[in-house]
N, C-alpha and C. Protein backbone atom coordinates (compact mmCIF):
# COMPACT_ATOMS: atom_id res chain seq x y z
N MET A 1 59.47 30.86 30.91
CA MET A 1 59.81 30.59 29.19
C MET A 1 59.36 31.92 28.43
N PRO A 2 60.18 31.98 27.49
CA PRO A 2 60.03 33.18 26.75
C PRO A 2 58.51 33.11 26.04
N LYS A 3 58.15 34.54 25.49
CA LYS A 3 56.74 34.51 24.91
C LYS A 3 56.95 35.12 23.76
N LEU A 4 55.64 34.34 22.70
CA LEU A 4 55.76 35.37 21.49
C LEU A 4 54.47 35.52 21.17
N ILE A 5 54.42 36.91 21.03
CA ILE A 5 53.31 37.70 20.57
C ILE A 5 52.88 38.09 19.36
N TYR A 6 51.71 37.59 18.79
CA TYR A 6 51.55 37.77 17.61
C TYR A 6 50.68 39.04 17.47
N ILE A 7 51.05 40.01 16.18
CA ILE A 7 50.13 41.17 16.10
C ILE A 7 49.70 41.10 14.90
N HIS A 8 48.24 41.11 14.60
CA HIS A 8 47.67 41.10 13.56
C HIS A 8 47.70 42.31 12.63
N GLY A 9 47.00 42.08 11.94
CA GLY A 9 46.96 43.59 10.63
C GLY A 9 45.66 44.09 10.71
N PHE A 10 45.79 45.13 9.79
CA PHE A 10 44.37 46.20 9.45
C PHE A 10 43.23 45.61 9.20
N ASN A 11 42.13 45.43 10.54
CA ASN A 11 40.64 44.87 9.83
C ASN A 11 41.24 43.34 10.17
N SER A 12 41.96 42.89 10.74
CA SER A 12 42.22 41.49 11.02
C SER A 12 41.53 41.24 12.75
N SER A 13 42.00 40.06 12.92
CA SER A 13 41.80 40.05 14.24
C SER A 13 42.71 39.03 15.08
N GLU A 14 42.84 38.64 16.50
CA GLU A 14 43.36 37.79 17.17
C GLU A 14 43.60 36.40 16.78
N GLN A 15 42.31 36.21 15.99
CA GLN A 15 42.11 35.13 15.48
C GLN A 15 42.64 34.58 13.59
N SER A 16 43.56 35.32 13.35
CA SER A 16 44.06 35.23 11.83
C SER A 16 44.35 33.95 11.88
N GLU A 17 44.36 33.49 10.49
CA GLU A 17 44.67 32.18 10.09
C GLU A 17 46.41 31.74 10.75
N LYS A 18 47.07 32.93 10.63
CA LYS A 18 48.46 32.74 11.04
C LYS A 18 48.64 32.60 12.43
N ALA A 19 47.63 33.37 13.26
CA ALA A 19 47.57 33.19 14.45
C ALA A 19 47.30 32.04 14.95
N GLU A 20 46.53 31.19 14.67
CA GLU A 20 45.37 30.06 14.92
C GLU A 20 46.76 28.84 14.52
N LYS A 21 47.47 29.22 13.61
CA LYS A 21 48.13 27.75 13.29
C LYS A 21 49.57 28.24 14.17
N ILE A 22 49.97 29.28 14.42
CA ILE A 22 50.97 29.29 15.69
C ILE A 22 50.35 28.43 16.89
N LYS A 23 49.08 28.98 17.22
CA LYS A 23 48.46 28.52 18.36
C LYS A 23 48.55 27.04 18.63
N GLN A 24 48.24 26.54 17.51
CA GLN A 24 47.67 25.29 17.43
C GLN A 24 49.14 24.27 17.28
N ARG A 25 50.20 24.62 16.87
CA ARG A 25 51.38 24.09 16.77
C ARG A 25 51.98 24.14 18.42
N CYS A 26 51.81 25.52 19.01
CA CYS A 26 52.47 25.61 20.52
C CYS A 26 51.45 24.54 21.20
N GLU A 27 50.25 24.46 20.95
CA GLU A 27 49.50 23.35 21.66
C GLU A 27 50.21 21.70 21.61
N GLN A 28 50.47 21.57 20.47
CA GLN A 28 50.72 20.38 19.91
C GLN A 28 52.19 20.20 20.91
N MET A 29 52.95 21.34 20.88
CA MET A 29 54.38 20.90 21.57
C MET A 29 54.04 20.93 23.14
N GLY A 30 52.78 20.90 23.73
CA GLY A 30 52.47 21.25 24.90
C GLY A 30 53.24 22.47 25.62
N CYS A 31 53.08 23.61 24.99
CA CYS A 31 53.44 25.00 25.49
C CYS A 31 52.63 26.22 24.90
N ALA A 32 51.32 25.78 24.94
CA ALA A 32 50.73 26.88 24.60
C ALA A 32 50.46 28.18 25.30
N ASP A 33 51.04 28.22 26.65
CA ASP A 33 51.08 29.58 27.30
C ASP A 33 52.37 30.26 26.77
N VAL A 34 53.05 29.83 26.03
CA VAL A 34 54.23 30.61 25.39
C VAL A 34 53.65 31.77 24.57
N PHE A 35 52.38 31.55 23.75
CA PHE A 35 51.73 32.26 22.69
C PHE A 35 50.75 33.27 23.21
N ILE A 36 50.79 34.30 22.62
CA ILE A 36 49.90 35.41 23.44
C ILE A 36 49.31 35.93 22.03
N SER A 37 48.08 35.90 21.79
CA SER A 37 47.43 36.77 20.31
C SER A 37 46.15 37.78 20.74
N PRO A 38 46.67 39.15 20.88
CA PRO A 38 45.59 40.01 21.80
C PRO A 38 44.80 40.47 20.53
N ARG A 39 43.52 40.77 20.58
CA ARG A 39 42.43 41.65 19.94
C ARG A 39 43.34 42.94 19.99
N LEU A 40 43.78 43.77 19.07
CA LEU A 40 44.27 45.16 18.97
C LEU A 40 42.83 45.79 18.72
N PRO A 41 43.18 47.30 19.33
CA PRO A 41 42.15 48.17 19.33
C PRO A 41 42.52 48.68 17.84
N TRP A 42 41.34 49.28 17.09
CA TRP A 42 41.65 49.63 15.71
C TRP A 42 42.39 51.02 16.00
N GLU A 43 42.60 52.10 16.83
CA GLU A 43 43.01 52.96 16.81
C GLU A 43 44.65 52.67 17.15
N PRO A 44 45.48 53.58 16.36
CA PRO A 44 47.12 53.01 16.65
C PRO A 44 47.44 53.19 18.06
N ASN A 45 47.18 54.50 18.47
CA ASN A 45 47.72 54.91 19.86
C ASN A 45 47.26 53.67 20.88
N GLN A 46 45.90 53.29 20.79
CA GLN A 46 45.64 52.27 21.82
C GLN A 46 45.94 51.19 21.70
N ALA A 47 46.36 50.13 20.22
CA ALA A 47 47.15 49.11 19.95
C ALA A 47 48.41 49.19 20.71
N ILE A 48 49.03 50.31 20.25
CA ILE A 48 50.63 50.28 20.83
C ILE A 48 50.63 50.25 22.50
N HIS A 49 49.63 51.18 22.68
CA HIS A 49 49.41 50.96 24.33
C HIS A 49 49.20 49.53 24.89
N LEU A 50 48.23 49.16 24.27
CA LEU A 50 48.08 47.40 24.79
C LEU A 50 49.13 46.70 24.72
N LEU A 51 49.78 46.62 23.30
CA LEU A 51 50.88 45.99 23.11
C LEU A 51 52.26 46.20 24.08
N SER A 52 52.42 47.70 24.33
CA SER A 52 53.35 47.77 25.28
C SER A 52 53.06 47.15 27.10
N GLU A 53 51.89 47.39 27.32
CA GLU A 53 51.63 46.61 28.23
C GLU A 53 51.88 44.96 28.64
N LEU A 54 51.54 44.41 27.48
CA LEU A 54 51.79 43.11 27.19
C LEU A 54 53.33 42.87 27.41
N ILE A 55 54.09 43.72 26.77
CA ILE A 55 55.63 43.54 26.49
C ILE A 55 56.26 43.50 27.66
N GLU A 56 55.78 44.81 28.29
CA GLU A 56 56.39 45.11 29.84
C GLU A 56 56.06 44.18 30.78
N LYS A 57 55.00 43.51 30.87
CA LYS A 57 54.53 42.44 31.72
C LYS A 57 55.55 41.08 31.33
N HIS A 58 55.69 40.52 30.48
CA HIS A 58 56.66 39.53 30.05
C HIS A 58 58.21 39.80 29.67
N LEU A 59 58.43 40.93 29.84
CA LEU A 59 60.14 41.22 29.38
C LEU A 59 61.13 40.70 29.94
N LEU A 60 61.07 40.32 31.17
CA LEU A 60 61.91 39.60 32.09
C LEU A 60 62.16 38.03 31.68
N GLU A 61 60.82 37.45 31.00
CA GLU A 61 60.96 36.11 30.61
C GLU A 61 61.63 36.02 29.10
N GLY A 62 61.71 37.36 28.28
CA GLY A 62 61.80 37.21 27.11
C GLY A 62 60.61 37.31 26.48
N VAL A 63 60.58 38.41 25.32
CA VAL A 63 59.54 38.37 24.46
C VAL A 63 59.84 38.75 22.94
N THR A 64 59.30 37.86 21.97
CA THR A 64 59.56 38.24 20.51
C THR A 64 58.25 38.32 20.24
N LEU A 65 58.15 39.43 18.90
CA LEU A 65 56.95 39.43 18.41
C LEU A 65 56.85 38.96 17.02
N CYS A 66 55.60 38.71 16.35
CA CYS A 66 55.55 38.20 15.01
C CYS A 66 54.30 39.15 14.67
N GLY A 67 54.53 40.11 13.72
CA GLY A 67 53.62 41.01 13.14
C GLY A 67 53.28 40.62 11.70
N SER A 68 52.00 40.56 11.20
CA SER A 68 51.86 40.54 9.91
C SER A 68 51.00 41.69 9.42
N SER A 69 51.57 42.28 8.12
CA SER A 69 50.94 43.48 7.56
C SER A 69 51.23 44.81 8.66
N LEU A 70 49.84 45.41 8.91
CA LEU A 70 50.38 46.85 9.84
C LEU A 70 50.88 46.09 11.19
N GLY A 71 50.48 44.86 11.69
CA GLY A 71 51.29 44.08 12.71
C GLY A 71 52.71 44.49 12.66
N GLY A 72 53.31 44.16 11.45
CA GLY A 72 54.79 43.99 11.38
C GLY A 72 55.10 45.50 11.37
N PHE A 73 54.40 46.65 11.11
CA PHE A 73 54.63 47.97 11.03
C PHE A 73 54.90 48.30 12.64
N TYR A 74 53.91 48.14 13.46
CA TYR A 74 54.01 48.16 14.94
C TYR A 74 54.83 47.32 15.44
N ALA A 75 55.22 46.33 14.96
CA ALA A 75 56.34 45.34 15.61
C ALA A 75 57.60 45.85 15.33
N THR A 76 57.73 46.83 14.46
CA THR A 76 59.11 47.19 13.72
C THR A 76 59.36 48.26 15.13
N TYR A 77 58.27 49.15 15.49
CA TYR A 77 58.40 50.23 16.29
C TYR A 77 58.82 49.86 17.86
N LEU A 78 58.12 48.62 18.14
CA LEU A 78 58.04 47.98 19.45
C LEU A 78 59.35 47.34 19.67
N SER A 79 59.91 46.73 18.59
CA SER A 79 61.17 45.94 18.71
C SER A 79 62.46 46.78 18.98
N GLN A 80 62.27 48.36 18.13
CA GLN A 80 63.32 49.32 18.53
C GLN A 80 63.03 49.65 19.77
N LYS A 81 61.87 50.13 20.37
CA LYS A 81 61.58 50.56 21.74
C LYS A 81 62.21 49.68 22.80
N TYR A 82 61.80 48.42 22.80
CA TYR A 82 62.26 47.86 23.95
C TYR A 82 63.62 46.47 23.55
N THR A 83 63.79 46.83 22.28
CA THR A 83 65.01 45.84 21.90
C THR A 83 64.67 44.72 22.12
N ILE A 84 63.84 44.30 21.52
CA ILE A 84 63.46 42.78 21.37
C ILE A 84 63.35 42.27 19.90
N LYS A 85 63.25 40.82 19.59
CA LYS A 85 63.20 40.43 18.34
C LYS A 85 62.01 40.54 17.57
N SER A 86 61.86 40.53 16.65
CA SER A 86 60.27 40.37 15.53
C SER A 86 60.66 39.76 14.15
N VAL A 87 59.50 38.92 14.17
CA VAL A 87 59.46 38.26 12.88
C VAL A 87 58.44 39.29 12.25
N LEU A 88 58.91 39.70 10.63
CA LEU A 88 57.84 40.70 10.16
C LEU A 88 57.40 39.76 8.93
N VAL A 89 56.02 39.77 9.12
CA VAL A 89 55.33 38.87 7.68
C VAL A 89 54.81 39.78 6.58
N ASN A 90 55.36 40.04 5.67
CA ASN A 90 54.62 40.77 4.67
C ASN A 90 54.34 42.34 5.29
N PRO A 91 55.25 42.71 5.89
CA PRO A 91 54.71 44.03 6.82
C PRO A 91 54.56 45.12 6.03
N ALA A 92 53.67 45.95 6.42
CA ALA A 92 53.30 47.41 5.93
C ALA A 92 54.27 48.26 6.17
N VAL A 93 54.79 49.06 5.11
CA VAL A 93 55.81 49.90 5.14
C VAL A 93 55.64 51.17 4.89
N GLY A 94 55.62 52.22 5.76
CA GLY A 94 54.87 53.43 5.67
C GLY A 94 53.52 53.29 5.74
N ALA A 95 52.92 52.78 7.03
CA ALA A 95 51.65 52.39 6.73
C ALA A 95 50.56 53.62 7.09
N TYR A 96 51.16 55.00 7.33
CA TYR A 96 50.36 55.98 7.06
C TYR A 96 50.14 56.46 5.67
N ASN A 97 50.96 56.18 4.94
CA ASN A 97 50.41 56.40 3.64
C ASN A 97 49.57 55.26 2.91
N LEU A 98 49.95 53.93 3.46
CA LEU A 98 49.16 53.09 2.50
C LEU A 98 47.48 53.24 3.26
N LEU A 99 47.41 53.33 4.38
CA LEU A 99 46.01 53.61 5.06
C LEU A 99 45.33 54.91 4.55
N GLU A 100 46.06 55.81 4.41
CA GLU A 100 45.34 56.81 3.62
C GLU A 100 44.07 56.98 2.98
N GLN A 101 44.38 55.87 1.85
CA GLN A 101 43.19 55.43 0.85
C GLN A 101 42.11 54.95 1.73
N HIS A 102 42.03 54.50 3.01
CA HIS A 102 41.01 53.73 3.57
C HIS A 102 40.44 54.85 4.56
N LEU A 103 40.62 55.94 4.63
CA LEU A 103 40.00 57.03 5.42
C LEU A 103 38.56 57.13 5.27
N GLY A 104 37.73 57.36 6.66
CA GLY A 104 36.45 57.36 6.26
C GLY A 104 35.96 55.84 7.34
N GLU A 105 34.69 55.83 7.11
CA GLU A 105 34.14 54.48 7.73
C GLU A 105 34.56 53.16 7.30
N GLN A 106 34.76 52.26 8.34
CA GLN A 106 35.52 51.11 8.14
C GLN A 106 34.73 50.23 9.10
N PHE A 107 35.08 48.96 8.53
CA PHE A 107 33.96 47.66 9.13
C PHE A 107 34.98 46.37 9.24
N ASN A 108 35.42 46.20 10.67
CA ASN A 108 36.10 44.96 10.52
C ASN A 108 35.24 43.57 10.53
N PRO A 109 35.64 42.62 9.42
CA PRO A 109 34.51 41.72 9.34
C PRO A 109 34.71 40.55 10.13
N TYR A 110 36.03 40.88 10.87
CA TYR A 110 36.26 39.64 11.84
C TYR A 110 36.00 39.91 13.35
N THR A 111 35.61 41.12 13.80
CA THR A 111 35.47 41.49 15.21
C THR A 111 34.10 42.33 15.00
N GLN A 112 33.47 42.49 13.85
CA GLN A 112 32.06 43.18 13.73
C GLN A 112 32.10 44.58 14.01
N GLU A 113 33.26 45.18 14.25
CA GLU A 113 33.64 46.96 14.76
C GLU A 113 33.29 47.72 13.45
N SER A 114 32.71 48.56 13.93
CA SER A 114 32.67 49.75 12.80
C SER A 114 33.36 50.83 13.51
N TYR A 115 34.07 51.50 12.51
CA TYR A 115 34.67 52.72 13.24
C TYR A 115 35.04 54.01 11.97
N VAL A 116 35.47 55.11 12.66
CA VAL A 116 35.95 55.88 11.36
C VAL A 116 37.40 56.19 11.52
N LEU A 117 38.07 55.99 10.23
CA LEU A 117 39.51 56.03 10.42
C LEU A 117 39.47 57.53 9.68
N LYS A 118 40.54 58.56 10.56
CA LYS A 118 40.66 59.77 10.27
C LYS A 118 41.98 60.20 10.17
N GLN A 119 42.57 61.67 9.78
CA GLN A 119 43.58 61.87 9.65
C GLN A 119 44.60 61.96 10.73
N GLU A 120 44.02 62.14 11.90
CA GLU A 120 44.55 62.17 13.31
C GLU A 120 45.16 60.59 13.35
N HIS A 121 44.53 59.79 12.99
CA HIS A 121 45.04 58.37 13.10
C HIS A 121 46.27 58.06 12.26
N MET A 122 46.26 58.77 11.08
CA MET A 122 47.42 58.78 10.16
C MET A 122 48.66 59.21 10.63
N GLN A 123 48.42 60.34 11.34
CA GLN A 123 49.51 61.29 12.16
C GLN A 123 50.16 60.33 13.42
N GLN A 124 48.99 59.42 14.18
CA GLN A 124 49.78 58.46 15.02
C GLN A 124 50.52 57.42 14.76
N LEU A 125 50.40 57.17 13.17
CA LEU A 125 51.02 56.08 12.75
C LEU A 125 52.54 56.81 12.14
N LEU A 126 52.40 57.83 11.74
CA LEU A 126 53.80 58.55 11.29
C LEU A 126 54.55 58.55 12.39
N ASP A 127 53.92 58.91 13.70
CA ASP A 127 54.64 59.13 15.04
C ASP A 127 55.42 57.76 15.10
N LEU A 128 54.93 56.61 14.61
CA LEU A 128 55.73 55.51 14.97
C LEU A 128 56.55 55.02 13.99
N GLU A 129 56.95 55.70 13.18
CA GLU A 129 57.86 55.41 12.17
C GLU A 129 59.27 55.41 12.69
N VAL A 130 59.91 54.24 12.12
CA VAL A 130 61.31 54.17 12.92
C VAL A 130 62.18 54.07 11.42
N THR A 131 63.37 54.88 11.75
CA THR A 131 64.02 55.07 10.73
C THR A 131 65.54 54.09 10.70
N ASP A 132 65.96 54.08 12.08
CA ASP A 132 67.12 53.41 12.16
C ASP A 132 66.96 51.76 12.71
N ILE A 133 67.06 50.89 11.93
CA ILE A 133 66.83 49.69 12.16
C ILE A 133 67.94 48.57 12.58
N ASP A 134 67.98 48.18 13.80
CA ASP A 134 68.80 47.37 14.19
C ASP A 134 68.64 45.75 13.69
N ASP A 135 69.51 45.49 12.48
CA ASP A 135 69.35 44.61 11.97
C ASP A 135 69.36 43.28 12.75
N ALA A 136 70.19 42.85 13.86
CA ALA A 136 69.72 41.92 14.70
C ALA A 136 68.51 41.49 15.08
N LEU A 137 67.71 42.74 15.26
CA LEU A 137 66.52 42.35 15.85
C LEU A 137 65.22 41.61 15.17
N PHE A 138 65.62 41.60 13.67
CA PHE A 138 64.48 41.17 12.51
C PHE A 138 64.83 40.11 12.06
N TRP A 139 63.75 39.32 11.39
CA TRP A 139 63.61 38.62 10.50
C TRP A 139 62.38 38.69 9.64
N LEU A 140 62.92 38.77 8.34
CA LEU A 140 61.54 39.52 7.42
C LEU A 140 61.25 38.32 6.32
N MET A 141 59.87 38.29 6.11
CA MET A 141 59.45 37.06 5.54
C MET A 141 58.57 38.00 4.47
N LEU A 142 58.83 37.57 3.24
CA LEU A 142 58.30 38.31 2.19
C LEU A 142 57.79 37.19 1.05
N GLN A 143 56.69 37.30 0.41
CA GLN A 143 56.15 36.80 -0.84
C GLN A 143 55.94 38.01 -1.71
N GLU A 144 56.89 37.61 -3.07
CA GLU A 144 56.43 38.51 -4.12
C GLU A 144 55.23 38.86 -4.37
N GLY A 145 54.37 37.66 -4.36
CA GLY A 145 52.95 37.93 -4.97
C GLY A 145 51.80 38.44 -4.15
N ASP A 146 52.54 39.29 -3.09
CA ASP A 146 51.75 40.08 -2.45
C ASP A 146 50.95 41.23 -3.07
N GLU A 147 49.35 40.53 -2.96
CA GLU A 147 48.58 41.85 -3.86
C GLU A 147 48.34 42.71 -3.25
N THR A 148 48.76 43.13 -2.04
CA THR A 148 48.18 44.37 -1.11
C THR A 148 49.38 45.21 -0.62
N LEU A 149 50.52 44.69 -0.81
CA LEU A 149 52.03 45.41 -0.40
C LEU A 149 52.99 45.17 -1.43
N ASP A 150 53.62 46.39 -1.54
CA ASP A 150 54.99 46.11 -2.47
C ASP A 150 55.95 45.43 -1.83
N TYR A 151 56.44 44.18 -1.87
CA TYR A 151 57.42 43.45 -1.17
C TYR A 151 58.87 44.40 -1.48
N LYS A 152 59.03 44.87 -2.23
CA LYS A 152 60.34 45.84 -2.69
C LYS A 152 60.29 47.05 -1.79
N LYS A 153 59.16 47.28 -0.96
CA LYS A 153 59.54 48.56 -0.23
C LYS A 153 60.11 48.00 1.26
N ALA A 154 59.64 46.63 1.75
CA ALA A 154 60.20 46.13 2.50
C ALA A 154 61.63 45.97 2.65
N LEU A 155 61.98 45.42 1.39
CA LEU A 155 63.41 45.18 0.93
C LEU A 155 64.22 46.12 1.06
N GLN A 156 63.68 47.52 0.86
CA GLN A 156 64.56 48.83 0.98
C GLN A 156 64.47 49.16 2.17
N LYS A 157 63.26 49.22 3.21
CA LYS A 157 63.27 49.67 4.56
C LYS A 157 64.30 48.57 5.42
N TYR A 158 64.14 47.29 5.25
CA TYR A 158 64.92 46.29 5.83
C TYR A 158 66.48 45.68 5.22
N PRO A 159 67.07 46.45 4.29
CA PRO A 159 67.97 45.64 3.46
C PRO A 159 68.95 44.85 3.90
N THR A 160 69.13 44.82 5.17
CA THR A 160 70.31 44.00 5.65
C THR A 160 69.96 42.97 7.01
N VAL A 161 68.69 42.68 7.01
CA VAL A 161 68.08 41.93 8.16
C VAL A 161 67.94 40.51 7.41
N LYS A 162 67.88 39.47 8.34
CA LYS A 162 67.87 38.04 7.80
C LYS A 162 66.54 38.31 7.16
N THR A 163 66.64 37.68 5.96
CA THR A 163 65.25 37.75 4.91
C THR A 163 65.05 36.44 4.49
N LEU A 164 63.55 36.03 4.01
CA LEU A 164 63.06 35.11 3.75
C LEU A 164 62.30 35.42 2.39
N LEU A 165 62.48 35.39 1.25
CA LEU A 165 62.13 35.99 0.00
C LEU A 165 61.61 34.93 -0.79
N GLU A 166 60.21 34.82 -1.07
CA GLU A 166 59.69 33.70 -1.81
C GLU A 166 58.98 34.33 -3.06
N SER A 167 59.00 33.53 -3.92
CA SER A 167 58.55 34.04 -5.37
C SER A 167 56.91 33.57 -4.96
N ASN A 168 55.98 34.39 -6.09
CA ASN A 168 54.80 33.97 -6.08
C ASN A 168 53.88 34.22 -4.68
N GLY A 169 53.24 33.60 -3.90
CA GLY A 169 52.63 33.78 -2.48
C GLY A 169 51.43 34.79 -2.68
N SER A 170 51.32 35.14 -1.59
CA SER A 170 50.04 36.30 -1.29
C SER A 170 50.54 37.16 -0.18
N HIS A 171 49.50 38.11 0.21
CA HIS A 171 49.64 39.07 1.40
C HIS A 171 49.31 38.14 2.74
N ARG A 172 48.76 37.06 2.63
CA ARG A 172 48.56 36.11 3.58
C ARG A 172 49.64 35.26 4.04
N PHE A 173 50.40 35.12 3.15
CA PHE A 173 51.99 34.38 3.26
C PHE A 173 51.35 32.92 2.86
N GLU A 174 51.50 32.60 1.70
CA GLU A 174 51.08 31.28 1.67
C GLU A 174 51.92 30.25 2.14
N GLY A 175 51.36 28.93 2.89
CA GLY A 175 52.20 28.32 3.52
C GLY A 175 53.16 28.78 4.65
N PHE A 176 52.43 29.58 5.25
CA PHE A 176 53.17 30.07 6.79
C PHE A 176 53.65 29.14 7.77
N GLU A 177 52.54 27.93 7.33
CA GLU A 177 52.79 26.81 8.64
C GLU A 177 54.35 26.15 8.47
N ARG A 178 54.95 26.16 6.91
CA ARG A 178 56.24 25.81 6.96
C ARG A 178 57.33 26.19 7.55
N PHE A 179 56.99 27.32 8.33
CA PHE A 179 58.09 28.10 9.31
C PHE A 179 57.65 28.46 10.41
N ILE A 180 56.70 27.42 11.14
CA ILE A 180 56.31 27.76 12.64
C ILE A 180 57.23 27.75 13.44
N ASP A 181 57.92 26.39 13.23
CA ASP A 181 59.19 25.94 14.07
C ASP A 181 60.23 26.82 14.19
N ASP A 182 60.37 27.39 13.05
CA ASP A 182 61.56 28.27 12.26
C ASP A 182 61.35 29.60 13.47
N VAL A 183 60.01 30.12 13.20
CA VAL A 183 59.80 31.20 14.48
C VAL A 183 59.88 31.00 15.58
N LEU A 184 59.58 29.79 16.10
CA LEU A 184 59.50 29.65 17.23
C LEU A 184 60.87 29.38 17.94
N SER A 185 61.54 28.80 17.17
CA SER A 185 63.14 28.89 17.38
C SER A 185 63.81 30.22 17.15
N PHE A 186 63.31 31.24 16.29
CA PHE A 186 64.01 32.69 16.39
C PHE A 186 63.69 33.03 17.77
N ALA A 187 62.37 32.67 18.32
CA ALA A 187 61.90 33.38 19.56
C ALA A 187 62.58 32.57 20.87
N GLU A 188 63.22 31.66 20.77
CA GLU A 188 64.32 31.02 21.23
C GLU A 188 63.19 30.18 22.71
N ILE A 189 62.13 29.48 21.81
CA ILE A 189 60.98 29.17 22.45
C ILE A 189 61.22 27.49 22.36
N ILE A 190 61.81 27.14 21.03
CA ILE A 190 62.17 25.64 21.12
C ILE A 190 63.71 25.47 20.43
């Protein structure tokens, strides 16, 4: 059976609200084993390595990614690399530019990890930038009320992919649970 891999955002965790809601829905449907939500290392290269191993392990079964914020940036790279589908929820566009303002000491309140974000990590992100988008691989989910990221940049980056754009909302994507069955259908799980 196909797998859905959730990719959490910057200073988040595998137990983010969206991940937990997808997990609960899969459990309700009796297919909990289709959903994978790993805790990602904070360092971009290590996160991509872990995700690549997971994808390769399940590639023959079928894999779809669901990436939120920085996770959407990672999902874009991985989708193009493996030619697999991704749901991008308020994705970070140009993550290396966005995270430069966070250089220095960081603390992830969800995992209790402390670390130092350096310029070399920005280069790792820059190396993951994708310029040619295969429209058929993506479903873009945006809310105009995103207080963290400019949704217009995502519309520019992914101009012709399947898109859900809602007014208001937030970076968390308010009411995400309304679309979980649609995400599972996009992933060919239901």
